Protein backbone atom coordinates (compact mmCIF):
# COMPACT_ATOMS: atom_id res chain seq x y z
CA UNK A 1 26.66 -43.13 73.71
CA UNK A 2 23.61 -41.67 72.11
CA UNK A 3 20.97 -44.00 70.73
CA UNK A 4 20.04 -43.12 67.19
CA UNK A 5 16.35 -42.33 66.66
CA UNK A 6 14.63 -44.45 64.04
CA UNK A 7 14.06 -42.50 60.86
CA UNK A 8 10.97 -43.18 58.81
CA UNK A 9 11.98 -44.02 55.26
CA UNK A 10 10.02 -42.91 52.25
CA UNK A 11 7.35 -45.52 51.56
CA UNK A 12 7.36 -45.03 47.83
CA UNK A 13 11.15 -45.29 47.64
CA UNK A 14 11.29 -48.42 49.74
CA UNK A 15 8.56 -50.11 47.74
CA UNK A 16 10.53 -49.47 44.57
CA UNK A 17 13.78 -50.65 46.16
CA UNK A 18 12.16 -53.78 47.57
CA UNK A 19 10.73 -54.57 44.16
CA UNK A 20 14.17 -54.37 42.57
CA UNK A 21 15.74 -56.47 45.32
CA UNK A 22 13.02 -59.09 45.13
CA UNK A 23 13.55 -59.41 41.41
CA UNK A 24 17.31 -59.81 41.88
CA UNK A 25 16.78 -62.45 44.54
CA UNK A 26 14.34 -64.32 42.36
CA UNK A 27 16.77 -64.29 39.46
CA UNK A 28 19.80 -65.30 41.52
CA UNK A 29 18.01 -67.76 43.79
CA UNK A 30 20.10 -66.42 46.67
CA UNK A 31 17.40 -65.38 49.14
CA UNK A 32 18.57 -65.51 52.75
CA UNK A 33 17.85 -68.72 54.68
CA UNK A 34 18.21 -68.72 58.51
CA UNK A 35 20.78 -71.08 60.02
CA UNK A 36 19.91 -70.60 63.70
CA UNK A 37 16.81 -71.09 65.80
CA UNK A 38 14.49 -68.25 64.76
CA UNK A 39 13.06 -68.06 68.30
CA UNK A 40 16.37 -66.93 69.81
CA UNK A 41 16.07 -63.75 71.86
CA UNK A 42 19.17 -61.53 72.21
CA UNK A 43 20.61 -58.07 71.59
CA UNK A 44 23.09 -56.93 68.93
CA UNK A 45 24.67 -53.50 68.96
CA UNK A 46 26.45 -51.76 66.09
CA UNK A 47 28.55 -48.66 66.78
CA UNK A 48 30.06 -46.18 64.35
CA UNK A 49 30.85 -42.58 63.50
CA UNK A 50 27.63 -41.77 61.62
CA UNK A 51 25.26 -39.55 63.56
CA UNK A 52 22.39 -41.50 62.06
CA UNK A 53 22.16 -44.61 59.91
CA UNK A 54 18.65 -45.05 58.58
CA UNK A 55 19.75 -47.50 55.89
CA UNK A 56 21.07 -49.84 58.58
CA UNK A 57 17.87 -49.42 60.58
CA UNK A 58 15.99 -50.69 57.53
CA UNK A 59 18.27 -53.75 57.51
CA UNK A 60 17.48 -54.36 61.17
CA UNK A 61 13.79 -54.47 60.30
CA UNK A 62 14.41 -56.87 57.42
CA UNK A 63 16.51 -59.16 59.62
CA UNK A 64 13.72 -59.18 62.20
CA UNK A 65 11.46 -60.79 59.63
CA UNK A 66 13.62 -63.89 60.10
CA UNK A 67 14.57 -63.39 63.75
CA UNK A 68 11.76 -61.37 65.38
CA UNK A 69 13.16 -61.58 68.92
CA UNK A 70 16.63 -60.21 68.12
CA UNK A 71 16.90 -56.57 69.20
CA UNK A 72 19.32 -54.63 67.01
CA UNK A 73 20.45 -51.06 67.65
CA UNK A 74 22.91 -48.55 66.28
CA UNK A 75 24.90 -46.22 68.56
CA UNK A 76 27.36 -43.41 68.00
CA UNK A 77 29.94 -43.09 70.79
CA UNK A 78 31.48 -39.69 71.40
CA UNK A 79 35.00 -39.27 69.97
CA UNK A 80 34.61 -42.57 68.12
CA UNK A 81 38.13 -43.16 66.74
CA UNK A 82 39.98 -42.21 69.92
CA UNK A 83 37.75 -44.18 72.28
CA UNK A 84 37.05 -47.26 70.16
CA UNK A 85 39.64 -49.43 71.90
CA UNK A 86 38.30 -48.45 75.30
CA UNK A 87 34.72 -49.19 74.25
CA UNK A 88 35.68 -52.64 72.98
CA UNK A 89 37.31 -53.42 76.32
CA UNK A 90 34.29 -52.29 78.33
CA UNK A 91 31.52 -54.44 79.80
CA UNK A 92 29.12 -52.84 77.32
CA UNK A 93 31.20 -53.78 74.26
CA UNK A 94 29.46 -53.72 70.85
CA UNK A 95 28.97 -56.67 68.53
CA UNK A 96 29.87 -54.84 65.31
CA UNK A 97 31.83 -51.62 64.78
CA UNK A 98 33.06 -49.28 62.05
CA UNK A 99 36.66 -49.89 60.98
CA UNK A 100 39.15 -48.69 58.35
CA UNK A 101 42.15 -50.18 56.47
CA UNK A 102 44.46 -47.53 57.93
CA UNK A 103 44.07 -49.28 61.28
CA UNK A 104 46.25 -52.14 60.01
CA UNK A 105 49.75 -51.79 61.42
CA UNK A 106 48.78 -48.76 63.50
CA UNK A 107 50.03 -49.24 67.07
CA UNK A 108 47.29 -46.98 68.40
CA UNK A 109 44.70 -49.49 67.19
CA UNK A 110 46.38 -52.70 68.30
CA UNK A 111 43.65 -53.33 70.88
CA UNK A 112 40.98 -52.75 68.24
CA UNK A 113 42.64 -55.15 65.80
CA UNK A 114 42.90 -57.83 68.47
CA UNK A 115 39.12 -57.76 68.86
CA UNK A 116 38.42 -58.28 65.14
CA UNK A 117 37.13 -61.59 63.84
CA UNK A 118 38.51 -63.09 60.62
CA UNK A 119 35.58 -62.59 58.26
CA UNK A 120 37.14 -64.66 55.48
CA UNK A 121 36.34 -67.85 57.39
CA UNK A 122 34.16 -69.79 54.90
CA UNK A 123 32.07 -71.18 57.77
CA UNK A 124 30.65 -67.69 58.31
CA UNK A 125 29.08 -67.76 54.86
CA UNK A 126 29.63 -64.10 53.92
CA UNK A 127 29.06 -63.47 50.21
CA UNK A 128 32.52 -62.03 49.61
CA UNK A 129 32.51 -62.94 45.92
CA UNK A 130 29.87 -60.28 45.29
CA UNK A 131 32.24 -57.55 46.56
CA UNK A 132 34.77 -55.89 44.26
CA UNK A 133 38.12 -57.57 45.12
CA UNK A 134 39.97 -54.25 45.29
CA UNK A 135 37.84 -53.29 48.30
CA UNK A 136 38.79 -56.31 50.40
CA UNK A 137 41.73 -55.46 52.67
CA UNK A 138 43.64 -58.27 54.39
CA UNK A 139 46.15 -57.96 57.21
CA UNK A 140 49.73 -59.25 57.14
CA UNK A 141 48.51 -62.71 58.20
CA UNK A 142 45.99 -62.95 55.40
CA UNK A 143 42.98 -62.33 57.64
CA UNK A 144 40.03 -60.27 56.48
CA UNK A 145 39.24 -58.25 59.58
CA UNK A 146 36.83 -55.79 57.96
CA UNK A 147 34.37 -55.81 55.07
CA UNK A 148 33.11 -52.81 53.08
CA UNK A 149 29.54 -51.64 53.50
CA UNK A 150 29.83 -48.58 51.27
CA UNK A 151 32.52 -47.36 48.87
CA UNK A 152 33.67 -43.85 47.98
CA UNK A 153 34.90 -42.30 44.77
CA UNK A 154 35.85 -38.95 43.26
CA UNK A 155 34.29 -37.20 40.30
CA UNK A 156 31.80 -34.59 39.19
CA UNK A 157 28.03 -34.27 39.16
CA UNK A 158 26.90 -33.49 35.63
CA UNK A 159 23.76 -31.52 34.79
CA UNK A 160 22.71 -33.56 31.78
CA UNK A 161 19.96 -31.13 30.81
CA UNK A 162 22.41 -28.23 30.45
CA UNK A 163 24.58 -30.25 28.09
CA UNK A 164 21.54 -31.13 25.99
CA UNK A 165 20.28 -27.55 26.05
CA UNK A 166 23.61 -26.19 24.80
CA UNK A 167 24.17 -29.00 22.30
CA UNK A 168 27.32 -30.24 24.02
CA UNK A 169 28.62 -33.73 24.80
CA UNK A 170 29.79 -34.76 28.25
CA UNK A 171 33.61 -34.83 28.01
CA UNK A 172 35.54 -38.10 28.11
CA UNK A 173 39.08 -36.68 27.76
CA UNK A 174 40.98 -33.66 29.05
CA UNK A 175 40.96 -32.02 25.63
CA UNK A 176 37.19 -32.44 25.44
CA UNK A 177 36.83 -31.07 28.98
CA UNK A 178 38.73 -27.92 28.06
CA UNK A 179 36.66 -27.50 24.91
CA UNK A 180 33.35 -27.97 26.72
CA UNK A 181 34.35 -25.55 29.50
CA UNK A 182 35.29 -22.91 26.92
CA UNK A 183 31.95 -23.38 25.18
CA UNK A 184 30.03 -22.96 28.44
CA UNK A 185 32.09 -19.90 29.30
CA UNK A 186 31.28 -18.32 25.93
CA UNK A 187 27.59 -19.05 26.52
CA UNK A 188 27.65 -16.99 29.69
CA UNK A 189 28.14 -19.58 32.45
CA UNK A 190 30.12 -17.95 35.26
CA UNK A 191 31.90 -21.15 36.28
CA UNK A 192 31.52 -24.24 34.05
CA UNK A 193 33.02 -26.32 36.85
CA UNK A 194 32.52 -25.70 40.57
CA UNK A 195 33.16 -27.34 43.92
CA UNK A 196 34.00 -26.65 47.54
CA UNK A 197 37.24 -24.65 47.77
CA UNK A 198 37.34 -22.88 51.13
CA UNK A 199 39.32 -25.47 53.09
CA UNK A 200 41.72 -28.33 52.35
CA UNK A 201 39.33 -30.92 53.76
CA UNK A 202 37.09 -32.12 50.96
CA UNK A 203 38.28 -29.40 48.59
CA UNK A 204 37.80 -29.64 44.83
CA UNK A 205 41.58 -29.34 44.37
CA UNK A 206 42.31 -32.69 45.99
CA UNK A 207 39.46 -34.36 44.11
CA UNK A 208 41.08 -33.29 40.84
CA UNK A 209 44.72 -34.04 41.70
CA UNK A 210 44.56 -37.17 43.87
CA UNK A 211 43.47 -39.61 41.12
CA UNK A 212 46.32 -38.44 38.89
CA UNK A 213 48.80 -38.98 41.73
CA UNK A 214 47.46 -42.49 42.31
CA UNK A 215 47.91 -43.31 38.64
CA UNK A 216 51.50 -42.05 38.64
CA UNK A 217 52.43 -44.04 41.74
CA UNK A 218 50.62 -47.21 40.67
CA UNK A 219 52.87 -47.33 37.61
CA UNK A 220 56.13 -46.70 39.52
CA UNK A 221 56.87 -48.83 42.62
CA UNK A 222 60.03 -46.89 43.44
CA UNK A 223 58.18 -43.58 43.29
CA UNK A 224 55.53 -45.08 45.58
CA UNK A 225 58.17 -46.15 48.09
CA UNK A 226 59.73 -42.69 48.05
CA UNK A 227 56.36 -40.95 48.39
CA UNK A 228 55.40 -43.08 51.39
CA UNK A 229 58.82 -42.31 52.89
CA UNK A 230 58.12 -38.56 52.48
CA UNK A 231 61.18 -38.07 50.28
CA UNK A 232 61.00 -34.57 48.70
CA UNK A 233 62.03 -35.85 45.26
CA UNK A 234 58.81 -37.86 45.01
CA UNK A 235 56.83 -34.64 44.82
CA UNK A 236 57.11 -35.01 41.04
CA UNK A 237 54.17 -37.45 41.24
CA UNK A 238 51.91 -34.43 41.84
CA UNK A 239 53.08 -32.30 38.93
CA UNK A 240 50.76 -33.57 36.18
CA UNK A 241 47.64 -33.32 38.30
CA UNK A 242 48.58 -29.89 39.64
CA UNK A 243 49.25 -28.57 36.14
CA UNK A 244 45.90 -29.82 34.84
CA UNK A 245 44.09 -28.28 37.81
CA UNK A 246 45.77 -24.92 37.35
CA UNK A 247 44.97 -24.95 33.65
CA UNK A 248 41.28 -25.23 34.54
CA UNK A 249 41.52 -22.50 37.19
CA UNK A 250 43.75 -20.21 35.14
CA UNK A 251 41.44 -20.40 32.13
CA UNK A 252 38.46 -19.36 34.22
CA UNK A 253 36.76 -22.73 33.85
CA UNK A 254 36.75 -23.00 37.65
CA UNK A 255 35.89 -19.63 39.16
CA UNK A 256 37.24 -19.81 42.69
CA UNK A 257 35.39 -16.66 43.76
CA UNK A 258 32.14 -18.40 42.89
CA UNK A 259 33.31 -21.60 44.58
CA UNK A 260 34.34 -19.82 47.77
CA UNK A 261 30.71 -18.87 48.34
CA UNK A 262 29.93 -22.55 48.98
CA UNK A 263 30.24 -22.97 52.74
CA UNK A 264 30.58 -26.76 53.02
CA UNK A 265 31.38 -29.74 50.84
CA UNK A 266 28.10 -31.54 51.42
CA UNK A 267 24.71 -29.82 51.72
CA UNK A 268 25.81 -26.50 50.23
CA UNK A 269 27.56 -28.17 47.30
CA UNK A 270 24.37 -30.09 46.52
CA UNK A 271 22.05 -27.11 46.85
CA UNK A 272 24.35 -24.96 44.70
CA UNK A 273 24.35 -27.64 42.01
CA UNK A 274 20.55 -27.83 42.20
CA UNK A 275 20.33 -24.14 41.30
CA UNK A 276 20.60 -25.50 37.77
CA UNK A 277 23.28 -23.23 36.30
CA UNK A 278 26.35 -25.34 37.08
CA UNK A 279 27.25 -27.79 34.28
CA UNK A 280 29.77 -29.78 36.38
CA UNK A 281 30.11 -29.90 40.17
CA UNK A 282 33.33 -31.47 41.51
CA UNK A 283 32.72 -33.58 44.63
CA UNK A 284 32.97 -37.04 46.20
CA UNK A 285 30.51 -39.91 46.25
CA UNK A 286 29.87 -39.09 49.92
CA UNK A 287 28.45 -35.76 48.78
CA UNK A 288 26.38 -37.39 46.05
CA UNK A 289 24.77 -39.58 48.71
CA UNK A 290 22.84 -36.54 49.93
CA UNK A 291 21.35 -35.54 46.59
CA UNK A 292 18.21 -37.67 46.77
CA UNK A 293 17.02 -36.18 50.05
CA UNK A 294 17.80 -32.62 49.03
CA UNK A 295 15.95 -32.56 45.72
CA UNK A 296 12.79 -31.57 47.62
CA UNK A 297 14.74 -29.14 49.84
CA UNK A 298 15.88 -27.11 46.86
CA UNK A 299 13.27 -24.61 45.69
CA UNK A 300 15.14 -24.20 42.41
CA UNK A 301 15.25 -27.94 41.73
CA UNK A 302 11.60 -28.38 42.74
CA UNK A 303 10.62 -25.68 40.24
CA UNK A 304 12.88 -26.90 37.45
CA UNK A 305 14.10 -30.47 38.01
CA UNK A 306 16.81 -31.87 35.76
CA UNK A 307 18.58 -35.16 35.16
CA UNK A 308 22.07 -35.62 36.55
CA UNK A 309 24.71 -38.27 37.12
CA UNK A 310 28.14 -38.70 38.69
CA UNK A 311 31.19 -39.46 36.55
CA UNK A 312 35.01 -39.35 36.80
CA UNK A 313 36.71 -36.06 35.91
CA UNK A 314 38.68 -36.66 32.68
CA UNK A 315 41.99 -35.00 33.55
CA UNK A 316 43.98 -37.09 31.07
CA UNK A 317 43.54 -37.85 27.39
CA UNK A 318 42.49 -41.43 28.14
CA UNK A 319 39.69 -40.24 30.42
CA UNK A 320 39.06 -40.15 34.14
CA UNK A 321 40.05 -42.60 36.86
CA UNK A 322 37.72 -44.52 39.14
CA UNK A 323 39.29 -44.23 42.61
CA UNK A 324 37.66 -47.23 44.28
CA UNK A 325 38.04 -47.11 48.03
CA UNK A 326 35.96 -48.31 51.02
CA UNK A 327 33.94 -45.63 52.76
CA UNK A 328 32.43 -47.56 55.66
CA UNK A 329 33.61 -50.98 56.80
CA UNK A 330 32.26 -53.30 59.48
CA UNK A 331 34.24 -55.51 61.84
CA UNK A 332 32.91 -58.09 64.27
CA UNK A 333 33.99 -58.08 67.91
CA UNK A 334 35.02 -61.71 68.30
CA UNK A 335 34.70 -61.51 72.09
CA UNK A 336 31.19 -60.06 72.05
CA UNK A 337 28.07 -61.59 73.53
CA UNK A 338 25.85 -63.52 71.10
CA UNK A 339 28.65 -64.03 68.56
CA UNK A 340 26.72 -66.69 66.62
CA UNK A 341 23.76 -64.38 66.03
CA UNK A 342 26.13 -61.51 65.26
CA UNK A 343 27.71 -63.60 62.52
CA UNK A 344 24.26 -64.57 61.31
CA UNK A 345 23.37 -60.90 60.92
CA UNK A 346 26.63 -60.30 59.07
CA UNK A 347 25.83 -63.21 56.75
CA UNK A 348 22.46 -61.59 56.07
CA UNK A 349 24.00 -58.13 55.54
CA UNK A 350 27.09 -59.03 53.51
CA UNK A 351 25.25 -60.19 50.46
CA UNK A 352 24.77 -58.72 47.03
CA UNK A 353 21.10 -58.01 47.69
CA UNK A 354 21.38 -56.31 51.07
CA UNK A 355 24.49 -54.26 50.29
CA UNK A 356 22.82 -52.95 47.14
CA UNK A 357 19.68 -52.20 49.10
CA UNK A 358 21.59 -50.15 51.68
CA UNK A 359 23.50 -48.30 48.97
CA UNK A 360 20.25 -47.40 47.21
CA UNK A 361 18.68 -46.11 50.43
CA UNK A 362 21.75 -44.08 51.40
CA UNK A 363 22.59 -43.30 47.75
CA UNK A 364 26.19 -44.24 48.32
CA UNK A 365 28.40 -46.34 46.08
CA UNK A 366 27.71 -50.03 46.50
CA UNK A 367 30.78 -52.20 47.25
CA UNK A 368 29.37 -54.99 45.09
CA UNK A 369 30.07 -55.66 41.45
CA UNK A 370 26.71 -54.06 40.53
CA UNK A 371 27.94 -50.54 39.81
CA UNK A 372 25.00 -49.92 37.48
CA UNK A 373 22.54 -50.63 40.31
CA UNK A 374 22.07 -46.87 40.79
CA UNK A 375 21.87 -44.89 37.53
CA UNK A 376 23.55 -41.89 39.18
CA UNK A 377 26.77 -43.93 39.56
CA UNK A 378 26.41 -45.97 36.39
CA UNK A 379 29.23 -44.14 34.51
CA UNK A 380 31.74 -45.62 36.95
CA UNK A 381 30.68 -49.10 35.86
CA UNK A 382 31.94 -48.30 32.37
CA UNK A 383 35.44 -47.23 33.40
CA UNK A 384 37.99 -49.68 31.91
CA UNK A 385 39.64 -52.00 34.41
CA UNK A 386 43.06 -50.46 33.83
CA UNK A 387 41.69 -47.09 34.98
CA UNK A 388 40.23 -48.39 38.25
CA UNK A 389 42.57 -47.48 41.10
CA UNK A 390 42.41 -48.76 44.67
CA UNK A 391 44.59 -46.74 47.09
CA UNK A 392 44.65 -49.69 49.51
CA UNK A 393 45.84 -52.13 46.84
CA UNK A 394 48.40 -49.68 45.45
CA UNK A 395 49.77 -49.13 48.96
CA UNK A 396 48.95 -45.47 49.57
CA UNK A 397 49.50 -44.49 53.20
CA UNK A 398 47.50 -41.85 55.03
CA UNK A 399 50.48 -39.44 55.40
CA UNK A 400 51.01 -39.59 51.64
CA UNK A 401 47.35 -38.75 50.99
CA UNK A 402 47.57 -35.84 53.44
CA UNK A 403 50.56 -34.37 51.59
CA UNK A 404 48.69 -34.49 48.28
CA UNK A 405 45.57 -32.96 49.80
CA UNK A 406 47.42 -30.05 51.41
CA UNK A 407 49.67 -29.40 48.41
CA UNK A 408 46.68 -29.39 46.05
CA UNK A 409 44.80 -26.90 48.18
CA UNK A 410 47.77 -24.59 48.62
CA UNK A 411 48.52 -24.55 44.90
CA UNK A 412 44.89 -24.16 43.89
CA UNK A 413 44.32 -21.30 46.33
CA UNK A 414 47.47 -19.52 45.14
CA UNK A 415 49.45 -19.87 48.36
CA UNK A 416 52.34 -21.77 46.75
CA UNK A 417 53.41 -22.42 43.17
CA UNK A 418 53.51 -25.82 41.52
CA UNK A 419 57.31 -25.82 41.72
CA UNK A 420 57.22 -25.01 45.42
CA UNK A 421 54.65 -27.72 46.10
CA UNK A 422 56.66 -30.33 44.21
CA UNK A 423 59.93 -29.44 45.98
CA UNK A 424 58.34 -29.17 49.44
CA UNK A 425 56.60 -32.55 49.36
CA UNK A 426 56.78 -34.21 52.76
CA UNK A 427 56.80 -30.96 54.71
CA UNK A 428 53.19 -29.85 54.48
CA UNK A 429 51.32 -29.74 57.81
């Protein structure tokens, strides 16, 4: 394990965030009140797959205002997913650890699941009502073994200033998207829409197609069953999304040669967007989380800053879908040392105020009902309920998601046709 170095947060940013949080607490009257002896001295360790977690470090400091003698630390074990069970069985087992819904029912994670505490126990006092219900995943016995800390979504960063400069409106339907892309193309923009396209992992193709597949399967239980069973006939669920994607690529609205110059789906996507000549950048909320820090790292953005926000890609006439899925979840090791204080920290952390605070520091999507808390993500708060899709609630399995991701990339990159992708569903590796 490697101990994460403390990262100094921006003073101005934290002052602003604290001011917002304090106001929320004052209005809600829900400020944290300690339940245990504040003189208790102990250690609490959190482990996960992040190489650093400055937002959590800030929460440690806030918790120490109530319990000054509790030492909290974050660690990243090597090969986290494969060694998690072994770490939990060791004499140096953590108190809290990263977890994911796909662990449910997975025989390889049976040991991990056995260590998880039921966080739905009302005696723990976690503010679960502040979390969007679609993000709460229960096991077959009705136990809540993990709670979301951050959420993820799919969409596009929009350069609002470019739209205003060219007298165009941000599209809310597929027809409008095509019209806007054509207008930008005529005005000399090389690629009205861009994104990472060099590899299947995190590629723009999956970001476009996956929400459409979710919508098709959510409306057809039999198609969902067949898709999870890898039946080739269920490949039809991908057709609509693949056709829309290829219409954008074929019309030149997504210039793959331009996109292929982006070397990763995080830093390079952000810096390319900050060049200021890309109207719409296709990416995930995980990518958006890095925008705040990189504004100052971009010479182009520093010279000519612009306003931007993140919104669903409208690939259907009714608009875009909000794919609402947990990004990072925490579980409590029920056999850990200092379990009472561990649960006290979780009660402090799993609250509307603290989850929003962490999301604002990390600029990730909050799991709470306050989607307008960060203006960058505010458009997702206006998506109608019927267009909010939770893969976990729908019943999407990881193998199904992998098939869609690989098929989307192969079609988008020209390796296979739409017909071939549809007929070969279940065989992509």
